[in-house]
Amino acid sequence: MLNRFAMLIVSTVLLVYASAVGVLYFSQRSLLYFPDPTFHAAATLGVDGFRDVRIRTADGETIVGLHKPADPGRPSVLYLHGNAGRMPHLVERMRRLGEDGRGVLVVAYRGFSGSTGSPTEEGLAEDARAAFDFLESEGGDRIVLYGESLGTGVAVRLATERRIAGLVLDAPFTSTAAVAASLYPWAPVSTLMKDRFPSDERIGRVSAPLLVIHGDADGVVPFRFGEALFRLAPGTKRFVRIPGNGHAGNLEAAWSDVRAFIEAAAKSF
């Protein structure tokens, strides 16, 4: 009787565990991406100098963006947003990055802000390539990538595929699998995760100058992940620790460092 009861308990625990793992597996992309499909036109956002653009990707999707051309001789910034990116939330960043004649392109990944399709790691990589090629076609010849949170994984990959002037990583991680494993230590995340964004495996192939900015009170992507990725990076690099800052507001807190980095990277390109 006791053995039968023990077997029942073990079977129940295993069933609950398997169910929990199954829920994680089948809902993983809804836990990683938070797309808002609402389109916001440049005219409604009040960002002077920006225009709406639509860019066709190699796999047939259409991504929307906001573009401000660079003044002659000035660099351009390609901004790759986080997993819950919203154009209205990025207005102040567009203004800052576009100061002093710099060009800016902010694109919404597939499924976000009026772009077609649904987000996946490979899909976001296609979006970034299409955005970079568009920016080059519009005269951007000294392009600095700015990746925010999830966008750092997109930016690191793009930096291994295109010739860039510099790379800014705002609250980066080694991989999304590593972050997920820290949140769900009881689940076999490394086996189950589809979209891993392995920046730790790619950063060694980035030859452009690197700036990492990270708040040391970040509760979304813990500070240690940014430190670990920075240690793996080769070449010219700088790490800016932002004391007491969480996951948001790093660009604003470290704006003087970001601006100086963009200008220096473009000048030496």
C-alpha atoms as a PDB file:
ATOM      1  CA  MET A   1       0.000   0.000   0.000  1.00  0.00           C
ATOM      2  CA  LEU A   2       2.821   2.410   0.938  1.00  0.00           C
ATOM      3  CA  ASN A   3       4.733   1.674  -2.264  1.00  0.00           C
ATOM      4  CA  ARG A   4       1.621   2.241  -4.331  1.00  0.00           C
ATOM      5  CA  PHE A   5       1.017   5.573  -2.592  1.00  0.00           C
ATOM      6  CA  ALA A   6       4.635   6.623  -3.114  1.00  0.00           C
ATOM      7  CA  MET A   7       4.404   5.736  -6.809  1.00  0.00           C
ATOM      8  CA  LEU A   8       1.241   7.805  -7.077  1.00  0.00           C
ATOM      9  CA  ILE A   9       2.970  10.804  -5.516  1.00  0.00           C
ATOM     10  CA  VAL A  10       5.986  10.463  -7.821  1.00  0.00           C
ATOM     11  CA  SER A  11       3.739  10.069 -10.886  1.00  0.00           C
ATOM     12  CA  THR A  12       1.748  13.167  -9.909  1.00  0.00           C
ATOM     13  CA  VAL A  13       4.894  15.240  -9.388  1.00  0.00           C
ATOM     14  CA  LEU A  14       6.302  14.114 -12.735  1.00  0.00           C
ATOM     15  CA  LEU A  15       3.023  14.905 -14.470  1.00  0.00           C
ATOM     16  CA  VAL A  16       2.899  18.391 -12.950  1.00  0.00           C
ATOM     17  CA  TYR A  17       6.552  18.971 -13.891  1.00  0.00           C
ATOM     18  CA  ALA A  18       6.034  17.744 -17.465  1.00  0.00           C
ATOM     19  CA  SER A  19       2.945  19.964 -17.782  1.00  0.00           C
ATOM     20  CA  ALA A  20       4.845  23.010 -16.538  1.00  0.00           C
ATOM     21  CA  VAL A  21       7.709  22.338 -18.942  1.00  0.00           C
ATOM     22  CA  GLY A  22       5.209  21.820 -21.756  1.00  0.00           C
ATOM     23  CA  VAL A  23       3.551  25.165 -21.036  1.00  0.00           C
ATOM     24  CA  LEU A  24       6.961  26.865 -21.109  1.00  0.00           C
ATOM     25  CA  TYR A  25       7.888  25.179 -24.383  1.00  0.00           C
ATOM     26  CA  PHE A  26       4.700  25.960 -26.274  1.00  0.00           C
ATOM     27  CA  SER A  27       4.386  29.516 -24.934  1.00  0.00           C
ATOM     28  CA  GLN A  28       8.073  30.454 -25.127  1.00  0.00           C
ATOM     29  CA  ARG A  29       7.743  32.977 -27.939  1.00  0.00           C
ATOM     30  CA  SER A  30       4.843  34.717 -26.214  1.00  0.00           C
ATOM     31  CA  LEU A  31       7.114  34.996 -23.161  1.00  0.00           C
ATOM     32  CA  LEU A  32       9.993  36.386 -25.228  1.00  0.00           C
ATOM     33  CA  TYR A  33       8.237  38.798 -27.592  1.00  0.00           C
ATOM     34  CA  PHE A  34       5.550  41.346 -26.715  1.00  0.00           C
ATOM     35  CA  PRO A  35       4.541  42.874 -30.052  1.00  0.00           C
ATOM     36  CA  ASP A  36       2.013  45.683 -30.285  1.00  0.00           C
ATOM     37  CA  PRO A  37       0.743  45.796 -33.888  1.00  0.00           C
ATOM     38  CA  THR A  38      -0.463  49.415 -33.640  1.00  0.00           C
ATOM     39  CA  PHE A  39       1.057  51.597 -36.343  1.00  0.00           C
ATOM     40  CA  HIS A  40       2.221  55.088 -35.318  1.00  0.00           C
ATOM     41  CA  ALA A  41       2.990  57.513 -38.131  1.00  0.00           C
ATOM     42  CA  ALA A  42       5.816  60.017 -37.814  1.00  0.00           C
ATOM     43  CA  ALA A  43       3.335  62.889 -38.102  1.00  0.00           C
ATOM     44  CA  THR A  44       1.429  61.704 -35.021  1.00  0.00           C
ATOM     45  CA  LEU A  45       4.574  61.246 -32.939  1.00  0.00           C
ATOM     46  CA  GLY A  46       5.893  64.762 -33.433  1.00  0.00           C
ATOM     47  CA  VAL A  47       9.444  63.820 -34.383  1.00  0.00           C
ATOM     48  CA  ASP A  48      10.713  66.556 -36.676  1.00  0.00           C
ATOM     49  CA  GLY A  49      12.775  65.452 -39.642  1.00  0.00           C
ATOM     50  CA  PHE A  50      11.596  61.828 -39.554  1.00  0.00           C
ATOM     51  CA  ARG A  51       9.501  60.178 -42.250  1.00  0.00           C
ATOM     52  CA  ASP A  52       7.642  56.882 -42.435  1.00  0.00           C
ATOM     53  CA  VAL A  53       9.369  54.142 -44.412  1.00  0.00           C
ATOM     54  CA  ARG A  54       8.395  50.623 -45.424  1.00  0.00           C
ATOM     55  CA  ILE A  55      11.154  48.136 -46.118  1.00  0.00           C
ATOM     56  CA  ARG A  56      10.789  44.771 -47.838  1.00  0.00           C
ATOM     57  CA  THR A  57      12.757  41.912 -46.304  1.00  0.00           C
ATOM     58  CA  ALA A  58      14.431  39.073 -48.183  1.00  0.00           C
ATOM     59  CA  ASP A  59      11.787  36.617 -46.967  1.00  0.00           C
ATOM     60  CA  GLY A  60       8.860  38.744 -48.133  1.00  0.00           C
ATOM     61  CA  GLU A  61       7.762  40.651 -45.029  1.00  0.00           C
ATOM     62  CA  THR A  62       7.317  44.415 -44.868  1.00  0.00           C
ATOM     63  CA  ILE A  63       8.746  46.228 -41.867  1.00  0.00           C
ATOM     64  CA  VAL A  64       7.886  49.805 -41.002  1.00  0.00           C
ATOM     65  CA  GLY A  65      10.255  52.375 -39.614  1.00  0.00           C
ATOM     66  CA  LEU A  66      11.004  56.011 -38.992  1.00  0.00           C
ATOM     67  CA  HIS A  67      13.944  57.513 -40.846  1.00  0.00           C
ATOM     68  CA  LYS A  68      15.803  60.784 -40.556  1.00  0.00           C
ATOM     69  CA  PRO A  69      18.509  61.193 -43.238  1.00  0.00           C
ATOM     70  CA  ALA A  70      21.966  62.235 -42.118  1.00  0.00           C
ATOM     71  CA  ASP A  71      23.331  65.632 -43.022  1.00  0.00           C
ATOM     72  CA  PRO A  72      26.304  65.523 -45.415  1.00  0.00           C
ATOM     73  CA  GLY A  73      29.353  64.057 -43.704  1.00  0.00           C
ATOM     74  CA  ARG A  74      27.439  62.958 -40.590  1.00  0.00           C
ATOM     75  CA  PRO A  75      27.035  59.388 -39.255  1.00  0.00           C
ATOM     76  CA  SER A  76      23.830  57.376 -39.029  1.00  0.00           C
ATOM     77  CA  VAL A  77      22.431  55.218 -36.231  1.00  0.00           C
ATOM     78  CA  LEU A  78      20.380  52.068 -36.781  1.00  0.00           C
ATOM     79  CA  TYR A  79      18.300  51.523 -33.638  1.00  0.00           C
ATOM     80  CA  LEU A  80      17.211  47.947 -32.836  1.00  0.00           C
ATOM     81  CA  HIS A  81      14.630  47.955 -30.058  1.00  0.00           C
ATOM     82  CA  GLY A  82      13.784  45.570 -27.238  1.00  0.00           C
ATOM     83  CA  ASN A  83      11.188  42.817 -27.000  1.00  0.00           C
ATOM     84  CA  ALA A  84       8.355  45.205 -26.144  1.00  0.00           C
ATOM     85  CA  GLY A  85       9.454  48.108 -28.351  1.00  0.00           C
ATOM     86  CA  ARG A  86       6.872  50.782 -29.109  1.00  0.00           C
ATOM     87  CA  MET A  87       7.504  53.729 -31.397  1.00  0.00           C
ATOM     88  CA  PRO A  88       5.875  56.252 -28.999  1.00  0.00           C
ATOM     89  CA  HIS A  89       8.252  55.128 -26.244  1.00  0.00           C
ATOM     90  CA  LEU A  90      11.276  55.810 -28.454  1.00  0.00           C
ATOM     91  CA  VAL A  91      10.506  59.390 -29.489  1.00  0.00           C
ATOM     92  CA  GLU A  92      12.928  61.042 -27.069  1.00  0.00           C
ATOM     93  CA  ARG A  93      15.669  58.615 -28.088  1.00  0.00           C
ATOM     94  CA  MET A  94      15.066  59.406 -31.750  1.00  0.00           C
ATOM     95  CA  ARG A  95      15.464  63.089 -30.992  1.00  0.00           C
ATOM     96  CA  ARG A  96      18.689  62.594 -29.055  1.00  0.00           C
ATOM     97  CA  LEU A  97      20.265  60.282 -31.599  1.00  0.00           C
ATOM     98  CA  GLY A  98      19.229  62.577 -34.447  1.00  0.00           C
ATOM     99  CA  GLU A  99      20.823  65.715 -32.941  1.00  0.00           C
ATOM    100  CA  ASP A 100      23.661  67.516 -34.679  1.00  0.00           C
ATOM    101  CA  GLY A 101      22.773  66.217 -38.114  1.00  0.00           C
ATOM    102  CA  ARG A 102      23.073  62.517 -37.344  1.00  0.00           C
ATOM    103  CA  GLY A 103      20.877  60.181 -39.355  1.00  0.00           C
ATOM    104  CA  VAL A 104      18.604  57.702 -37.566  1.00  0.00           C
ATOM    105  CA  LEU A 105      16.583  54.690 -38.628  1.00  0.00           C
ATOM    106  CA  VAL A 106      14.318  53.020 -36.072  1.00  0.00           C
ATOM    107  CA  VAL A 107      12.625  49.902 -37.420  1.00  0.00           C
ATOM    108  CA  ALA A 108       9.790  47.866 -35.955  1.00  0.00           C
ATOM    109  CA  TYR A 109      10.450  44.133 -36.121  1.00  0.00           C
ATOM    110  CA  ARG A 110       7.946  41.885 -37.856  1.00  0.00           C
ATOM    111  CA  GLY A 111       4.712  41.812 -35.885  1.00  0.00           C
ATOM    112  CA  PHE A 112       5.484  45.137 -34.167  1.00  0.00           C
ATOM    113  CA  SER A 113       3.981  48.572 -34.884  1.00  0.00           C
ATOM    114  CA  GLY A 114       2.431  47.746 -38.254  1.00  0.00           C
ATOM    115  CA  SER A 115       5.139  45.448 -39.633  1.00  0.00           C
ATOM    116  CA  THR A 116       3.902  42.189 -41.135  1.00  0.00           C
ATOM    117  CA  GLY A 117       4.709  38.695 -39.913  1.00  0.00           C
ATOM    118  CA  SER A 118       5.493  37.238 -36.492  1.00  0.00           C
ATOM    119  CA  PRO A 119       8.752  37.596 -34.534  1.00  0.00           C
ATOM    120  CA  THR A 120      11.357  34.851 -34.426  1.00  0.00           C
ATOM    121  CA  GLU A 121      15.130  35.004 -34.052  1.00  0.00           C
ATOM    122  CA  GLU A 122      15.728  34.338 -37.735  1.00  0.00           C
ATOM    123  CA  GLY A 123      12.997  36.775 -38.705  1.00  0.00           C
ATOM    124  CA  LEU A 124      14.499  39.593 -36.638  1.00  0.00           C
ATOM    125  CA  ALA A 125      17.868  38.914 -38.261  1.00  0.00           C
ATOM    126  CA  GLU A 126      16.249  39.359 -41.679  1.00  0.00           C
ATOM    127  CA  ASP A 127      14.599  42.582 -40.514  1.00  0.00           C
ATOM    128  CA  ALA A 128      17.921  43.981 -39.310  1.00  0.00           C
ATOM    129  CA  ARG A 129      19.692  43.117 -42.571  1.00  0.00           C
ATOM    130  CA  ALA A 130      16.959  44.773 -44.609  1.00  0.00           C
ATOM    131  CA  ALA A 131      17.049  47.867 -42.402  1.00  0.00           C
ATOM    132  CA  PHE A 132      20.835  48.179 -42.654  1.00  0.00           C
ATOM    133  CA  ASP A 133      20.792  47.785 -46.432  1.00  0.00           C
ATOM    134  CA  PHE A 134      18.041  50.394 -46.706  1.00  0.00           C
ATOM    135  CA  LEU A 135      20.027  52.829 -44.581  1.00  0.00           C
ATOM    136  CA  GLU A 136      23.096  52.314 -46.763  1.00  0.00           C
ATOM    137  CA  SER A 137      21.011  52.846 -49.889  1.00  0.00           C
ATOM    138  CA  GLU A 138      19.837  56.157 -48.430  1.00  0.00           C
ATOM    139  CA  GLY A 139      23.404  57.416 -48.068  1.00  0.00           C
ATOM    140  CA  GLY A 140      24.312  56.103 -44.629  1.00  0.00           C
ATOM    141  CA  ASP A 141      28.006  55.319 -45.039  1.00  0.00           C
ATOM    142  CA  ARG A 142      29.140  55.398 -41.370  1.00  0.00           C
ATOM    143  CA  ILE A 143      26.538  53.387 -39.541  1.00  0.00           C
ATOM    144  CA  VAL A 144      26.567  52.782 -35.795  1.00  0.00           C
ATOM    145  CA  LEU A 145      24.287  50.025 -34.484  1.00  0.00           C
ATOM    146  CA  TYR A 146      22.403  50.672 -31.254  1.00  0.00           C
ATOM    147  CA  GLY A 147      20.885  47.536 -29.734  1.00  0.00           C
ATOM    148  CA  GLU A 148      18.561  47.755 -26.750  1.00  0.00           C
ATOM    149  CA  SER A 149      17.891  44.684 -24.555  1.00  0.00           C
ATOM    150  CA  LEU A 150      16.662  41.949 -26.954  1.00  0.00           C
ATOM    151  CA  GLY A 151      17.910  44.189 -29.760  1.00  0.00           C
ATOM    152  CA  THR A 152      21.474  43.655 -28.514  1.00  0.00           C
ATOM    153  CA  GLY A 153      21.255  40.082 -29.738  1.00  0.00           C
ATOM    154  CA  VAL A 154      20.012  41.296 -33.111  1.00  0.00           C
ATOM    155  CA  ALA A 155      22.735  43.958 -33.266  1.00  0.00           C
ATOM    156  CA  VAL A 156      25.606  41.611 -32.376  1.00  0.00           C
ATOM    157  CA  ARG A 157      24.570  39.218 -35.132  1.00  0.00           C
ATOM    158  CA  LEU A 158      24.244  42.027 -37.680  1.00  0.00           C
ATOM    159  CA  ALA A 159      27.651  43.373 -36.654  1.00  0.00           C
ATOM    160  CA  THR A 160      29.195  40.065 -37.769  1.00  0.00           C
ATOM    161  CA  GLU A 161      27.512  40.351 -41.174  1.00  0.00           C
ATOM    162  CA  ARG A 162      27.853  43.998 -42.165  1.00  0.00           C
ATOM    163  CA  ARG A 163      30.672  46.542 -42.006  1.00  0.00           C
ATOM    164  CA  ILE A 164      29.771  49.025 -39.292  1.00  0.00           C
ATOM    165  CA  ALA A 165      31.436  52.025 -37.650  1.00  0.00           C
ATOM    166  CA  GLY A 166      30.545  51.052 -34.092  1.00  0.00           C
ATOM    167  CA  LEU A 167      28.279  48.976 -31.863  1.00  0.00           C
ATOM    168  CA  VAL A 168      26.384  50.194 -28.780  1.00  0.00           C
ATOM    169  CA  LEU A 169      24.813  47.531 -26.562  1.00  0.00           C
ATOM    170  CA  ASP A 170      22.266  48.727 -24.016  1.00  0.00           C
ATOM    171  CA  ALA A 171      21.604  46.097 -21.282  1.00  0.00           C
ATOM    172  CA  PRO A 172      22.984  43.127 -23.234  1.00  0.00           C
ATOM    173  CA  PHE A 173      23.001  39.427 -22.394  1.00  0.00           C
ATOM    174  CA  THR A 174      25.199  36.470 -23.242  1.00  0.00           C
ATOM    175  CA  SER A 175      22.191  34.623 -24.657  1.00  0.00           C
ATOM    176  CA  THR A 176      18.446  34.632 -24.091  1.00  0.00           C
ATOM    177  CA  ALA A 177      18.788  30.970 -23.111  1.00  0.00           C
ATOM    178  CA  ALA A 178      21.131  31.943 -20.271  1.00  0.00           C
ATOM    179  CA  VAL A 179      18.738  34.627 -19.018  1.00  0.00           C
ATOM    180  CA  ALA A 180      15.790  32.227 -19.249  1.00  0.00           C
ATOM    181  CA  ALA A 181      17.732  29.553 -17.375  1.00  0.00           C
ATOM    182  CA  SER A 182      18.300  32.031 -14.543  1.00  0.00           C
ATOM    183  CA  LEU A 183      14.540  32.667 -14.388  1.00  0.00           C
ATOM    184  CA  TYR A 184      13.491  29.014 -14.714  1.00  0.00           C
ATOM    185  CA  PRO A 185      16.323  26.985 -13.143  1.00  0.00           C
ATOM    186  CA  TRP A 186      14.032  23.953 -12.795  1.00  0.00           C
ATOM    187  CA  ALA A 187      13.410  23.655 -16.562  1.00  0.00           C
ATOM    188  CA  PRO A 188      15.751  22.252 -19.270  1.00  0.00           C
ATOM    189  CA  VAL A 189      15.849  25.621 -21.009  1.00  0.00           C
ATOM    190  CA  SER A 190      19.048  24.943 -22.954  1.00  0.00           C
ATOM    191  CA  THR A 191      17.338  22.003 -24.645  1.00  0.00           C
ATOM    192  CA  LEU A 192      13.917  23.530 -25.212  1.00  0.00           C
ATOM    193  CA  MET A 193      14.596  27.134 -26.257  1.00  0.00           C
ATOM    194  CA  LYS A 194      14.123  27.944 -29.935  1.00  0.00           C
ATOM    195  CA  ASP A 195      15.264  31.583 -30.117  1.00  0.00           C
ATOM    196  CA  ARG A 196      18.539  31.678 -28.215  1.00  0.00           C
ATOM    197  CA  PHE A 197      20.251  34.833 -29.567  1.00  0.00           C
ATOM    198  CA  PRO A 198      23.736  33.510 -28.661  1.00  0.00           C
ATOM    199  CA  SER A 199      25.665  36.773 -28.525  1.00  0.00           C
ATOM    200  CA  ASP A 200      28.386  35.067 -26.492  1.00  0.00           C
ATOM    201  CA  GLU A 201      29.137  32.841 -29.501  1.00  0.00           C
ATOM    202  CA  ARG A 202      29.161  35.766 -31.940  1.00  0.00           C
ATOM    203  CA  ILE A 203      30.759  38.712 -30.146  1.00  0.00           C
ATOM    204  CA  GLY A 204      34.260  37.394 -30.865  1.00  0.00           C
ATOM    205  CA  ARG A 205      33.673  38.018 -34.578  1.00  0.00           C
ATOM    206  CA  VAL A 206      32.784  41.689 -34.091  1.00  0.00           C
ATOM    207  CA  SER A 207      35.681  43.895 -35.168  1.00  0.00           C
ATOM    208  CA  ALA A 208      34.041  47.309 -34.740  1.00  0.00           C
ATOM    209  CA  PRO A 209      34.539  49.458 -31.608  1.00  0.00           C
ATOM    210  CA  LEU A 210      32.127  48.498 -28.831  1.00  0.00           C
ATOM    211  CA  LEU A 211      30.336  50.437 -26.091  1.00  0.00           C
ATOM    212  CA  VAL A 212      28.327  48.547 -23.464  1.00  0.00           C
ATOM    213  CA  ILE A 213      26.040  50.432 -21.075  1.00  0.00           C
ATOM    214  CA  HIS A 214      24.234  48.611 -18.278  1.00  0.00           C
ATOM    215  CA  GLY A 215      22.451  49.535 -15.057  1.00  0.00           C
ATOM    216  CA  ASP A 216      23.756  47.573 -12.095  1.00  0.00           C
ATOM    217  CA  ALA A 217      20.234  47.263 -10.622  1.00  0.00           C
ATOM    218  CA  ASP A 218      18.767  45.698 -13.775  1.00  0.00           C
ATOM    219  CA  GLY A 219      16.109  43.169 -12.778  1.00  0.00           C
ATOM    220  CA  VAL A 220      15.283  42.043 -16.335  1.00  0.00           C
ATOM    221  CA  VAL A 221      18.734  41.334 -17.765  1.00  0.00           C
ATOM    222  CA  PRO A 222      20.961  41.125 -14.685  1.00  0.00           C
ATOM    223  CA  PHE A 223      24.136  43.197 -14.770  1.00  0.00           C
ATOM    224  CA  ARG A 224      26.380  40.132 -14.680  1.00  0.00           C
ATOM    225  CA  PHE A 225      25.250  39.144 -18.179  1.00  0.00           C
ATOM    226  CA  GLY A 226      26.428  42.435 -19.631  1.00  0.00           C
ATOM    227  CA  GLU A 227      29.748  42.076 -17.831  1.00  0.00           C
ATOM    228  CA  ALA A 228      30.198  38.528 -19.107  1.00  0.00           C
ATOM    229  CA  LEU A 229      29.509  39.504 -22.719  1.00  0.00           C
ATOM    230  CA  PHE A 230      31.891  42.451 -22.470  1.00  0.00           C
ATOM    231  CA  ARG A 231      34.693  40.188 -21.272  1.00  0.00           C
ATOM    232  CA  LEU A 232      34.253  38.036 -24.388  1.00  0.00           C
ATOM    233  CA  ALA A 233      34.448  40.985 -26.784  1.00  0.00           C
ATOM    234  CA  PRO A 234      37.718  41.613 -28.617  1.00  0.00           C
ATOM    235  CA  GLY A 235      39.269  44.857 -29.793  1.00  0.00           C
ATOM    236  CA  THR A 236      38.437  48.422 -28.804  1.00  0.00           C
ATOM    237  CA  LYS A 237      35.757  48.410 -26.143  1.00  0.00           C
ATOM    238  CA  ARG A 238      34.385  50.340 -23.182  1.00  0.00           C
ATOM    239  CA  PHE A 239      31.939  49.420 -20.428  1.00  0.00           C
ATOM    240  CA  VAL A 240      29.814  52.058 -18.681  1.00  0.00           C
ATOM    241  CA  ARG A 241      28.259  50.919 -15.403  1.00  0.00           C
ATOM    242  CA  ILE A 242      25.221  52.978 -14.390  1.00  0.00           C
ATOM    243  CA  PRO A 243      24.902  52.822 -10.589  1.00  0.00           C
ATOM    244  CA  GLY A 244      21.400  52.173  -9.285  1.00  0.00           C
ATOM    245  CA  ASN A 245      19.789  52.067 -12.722  1.00  0.00           C
ATOM    246  CA  GLY A 246      17.353  49.359 -13.740  1.00  0.00           C
ATOM    247  CA  HIS A 247      16.591  48.000 -17.180  1.00  0.00           C
ATOM    248  CA  ALA A 248      15.275  51.227 -18.719  1.00  0.00           C
ATOM    249  CA  GLY A 249      16.833  54.646 -19.137  1.00  0.00           C
ATOM    250  CA  ASN A 250      20.422  53.632 -19.823  1.00  0.00           C
ATOM    251  CA  LEU A 251      20.815  55.774 -22.925  1.00  0.00           C
ATOM    252  CA  GLU A 252      19.493  58.810 -21.100  1.00  0.00           C
ATOM    253  CA  ALA A 253      21.725  58.186 -18.067  1.00  0.00           C
ATOM    254  CA  ALA A 254      24.825  57.632 -20.200  1.00  0.00           C
ATOM    255  CA  TRP A 255      23.986  60.004 -23.042  1.00  0.00           C
ATOM    256  CA  SER A 256      27.281  61.888 -22.981  1.00  0.00           C
ATOM    257  CA  ASP A 257      29.166  58.586 -23.269  1.00  0.00           C
ATOM    258  CA  VAL A 258      26.933  57.332 -26.075  1.00  0.00           C
ATOM    259  CA  ARG A 259      27.170  60.574 -28.046  1.00  0.00           C
ATOM    260  CA  ALA A 260      30.965  60.724 -27.694  1.00  0.00           C
ATOM    261  CA  PHE A 261      31.262  57.076 -28.748  1.00  0.00           C
ATOM    262  CA  ILE A 262      29.140  57.546 -31.884  1.00  0.00           C
ATOM    263  CA  GLU A 263      31.148  60.567 -32.957  1.00  0.00           C
ATOM    264  CA  ALA A 264      34.518  58.921 -32.285  1.00  0.00           C
ATOM    265  CA  ALA A 265      33.536  55.662 -33.995  1.00  0.00           C
ATOM    266  CA  ALA A 266      32.305  57.497 -37.081  1.00  0.00           C
ATOM    267  CA  LYS A 267      35.409  59.657 -37.218  1.00  0.00           C
ATOM    268  CA  SER A 268      37.757  56.654 -37.117  1.00  0.00           C
ATOM    269  CA  PHE A 269      35.739  54.550 -39.578  1.00  0.00           C
END
